[in-house]
């Protein structure tokens, strides 16, 4: 695999992935799932190591999935490649 930076997608149902190193705005990264490259992605923001990046556009009030679990809800539209963090998501209670 080449030297481009990577993000790991834990579950195919997730709409965010975790970057494995710090990435800078407009950098291209490789999206990895189960050790295989499944996509390429251009990031739209600077993102710190182990933070989340949107792997598809997410609408306002749409649930954020990581590990195939809801981890929050978008408070505004999040574009594919944007940093997903406290400024664009909020915590939600999920009914069991």
Protein backbone atom coordinates (compact mmCIF):
# COMPACT_ATOMS: atom_id res chain seq x y z
CA UNK A 1 0.00 0.00 0.00
CA UNK A 2 1.30 3.49 -0.75
CA UNK A 3 2.35 6.14 1.78
CA UNK A 4 -0.84 8.20 1.67
CA UNK A 5 -2.55 8.82 4.97
CA UNK A 6 -5.40 6.56 6.00
CA UNK A 7 -8.71 6.49 7.82
CA UNK A 8 -10.25 3.32 9.16
CA UNK A 9 -13.91 2.47 8.67
CA UNK A 10 -14.97 0.14 11.46
CA UNK A 11 -18.35 -0.97 10.06
CA UNK A 12 -19.79 -0.60 6.57
CA UNK A 13 -22.94 0.96 8.11
CA UNK A 14 -20.89 3.81 9.63
CA UNK A 15 -20.98 7.30 8.12
CA UNK A 16 -17.71 8.37 9.79
CA UNK A 17 -14.20 6.94 9.81
CA UNK A 18 -11.25 7.58 12.13
CA UNK A 19 -8.09 9.17 10.70
CA UNK A 20 -4.91 7.35 11.70
CA UNK A 21 -2.67 10.40 11.56
CA UNK A 22 -3.09 14.16 11.51
CA UNK A 23 -4.36 15.30 8.10
CA UNK A 24 -4.48 18.76 6.60
CA UNK A 25 -7.23 20.45 4.63
CA UNK A 26 -7.39 19.25 1.00
CA UNK A 27 -5.16 16.24 1.68
CA UNK A 28 -6.25 12.98 0.07
CA UNK A 29 -6.54 9.91 2.28
CA UNK A 30 -7.27 6.23 1.77
CA UNK A 31 -10.33 4.71 3.43
CA UNK A 32 -9.59 1.24 4.85
CA UNK A 33 -12.06 -1.43 5.98
CA UNK A 34 -10.92 -4.86 7.18
CA UNK A 35 -7.40 -4.17 5.91
CA UNK A 36 -8.53 -3.36 2.36
CA UNK A 37 -8.67 -0.05 0.55
CA UNK A 38 -12.31 0.69 -0.23
CA UNK A 39 -12.26 4.36 -1.23
CA UNK A 40 -10.25 7.57 -1.53
CA UNK A 41 -11.35 10.74 0.19
CA UNK A 42 -10.28 14.37 0.13
CA UNK A 43 -10.56 16.01 3.55
CA UNK A 44 -12.10 19.45 3.77
CA UNK A 45 -10.67 20.45 7.18
CA UNK A 46 -7.55 19.94 9.25
CA UNK A 47 -8.22 16.82 11.35
CA UNK A 48 -6.25 15.66 14.38
CA UNK A 49 -5.11 12.06 14.75
CA UNK A 50 -7.89 9.66 15.82
CA UNK A 51 -10.65 12.16 15.09
CA UNK A 52 -13.60 11.43 12.81
CA UNK A 53 -14.11 12.33 9.17
CA UNK A 54 -17.44 12.11 7.33
CA UNK A 55 -17.25 9.48 4.59
CA UNK A 56 -20.51 10.69 3.01
CA UNK A 57 -22.63 13.80 3.29
CA UNK A 58 -24.73 13.83 6.46
CA UNK A 59 -27.91 15.89 6.73
CA UNK A 60 -28.88 18.03 9.71
CA UNK A 61 -30.55 15.84 12.41
CA UNK A 62 -29.20 12.67 10.78
CA UNK A 63 -27.67 10.15 13.19
CA UNK A 64 -23.88 9.72 13.27
CA UNK A 65 -22.79 6.07 13.20
CA UNK A 66 -19.46 4.67 14.39
CA UNK A 67 -18.99 0.97 15.27
CA UNK A 68 -22.50 0.54 13.78
CA UNK A 69 -23.77 2.46 16.85
CA UNK A 70 -25.32 5.91 17.08
CA UNK A 71 -22.77 8.26 18.65
CA UNK A 72 -24.62 11.52 18.01
CA UNK A 73 -26.73 13.61 15.69
CA UNK A 74 -25.67 16.22 13.15
CA UNK A 75 -26.59 19.78 14.19
CA UNK A 76 -25.96 21.01 10.65
CA UNK A 77 -25.12 19.54 7.26
CA UNK A 78 -21.74 17.82 7.27
CA UNK A 79 -20.09 17.37 3.89
CA UNK A 80 -18.16 14.28 2.85
CA UNK A 81 -14.57 14.87 3.98
CA UNK A 82 -15.40 17.26 6.83
CA UNK A 83 -14.17 16.87 10.40
CA UNK A 84 -16.95 15.43 12.59
CA UNK A 85 -16.61 16.86 16.09
CA UNK A 86 -18.39 18.84 18.82
CA UNK A 87 -19.08 21.83 16.55
CA UNK A 88 -21.28 19.83 14.17
CA UNK A 89 -22.74 16.97 16.26
CA UNK A 90 -24.54 16.61 19.57
CA UNK A 91 -25.06 13.70 21.92
CA UNK A 92 -28.41 11.92 21.78
CA UNK A 93 -30.14 9.36 23.92
CA UNK A 94 -30.86 6.19 21.98
CA UNK A 95 -33.87 4.18 23.11
CA UNK A 96 -33.10 0.50 23.53
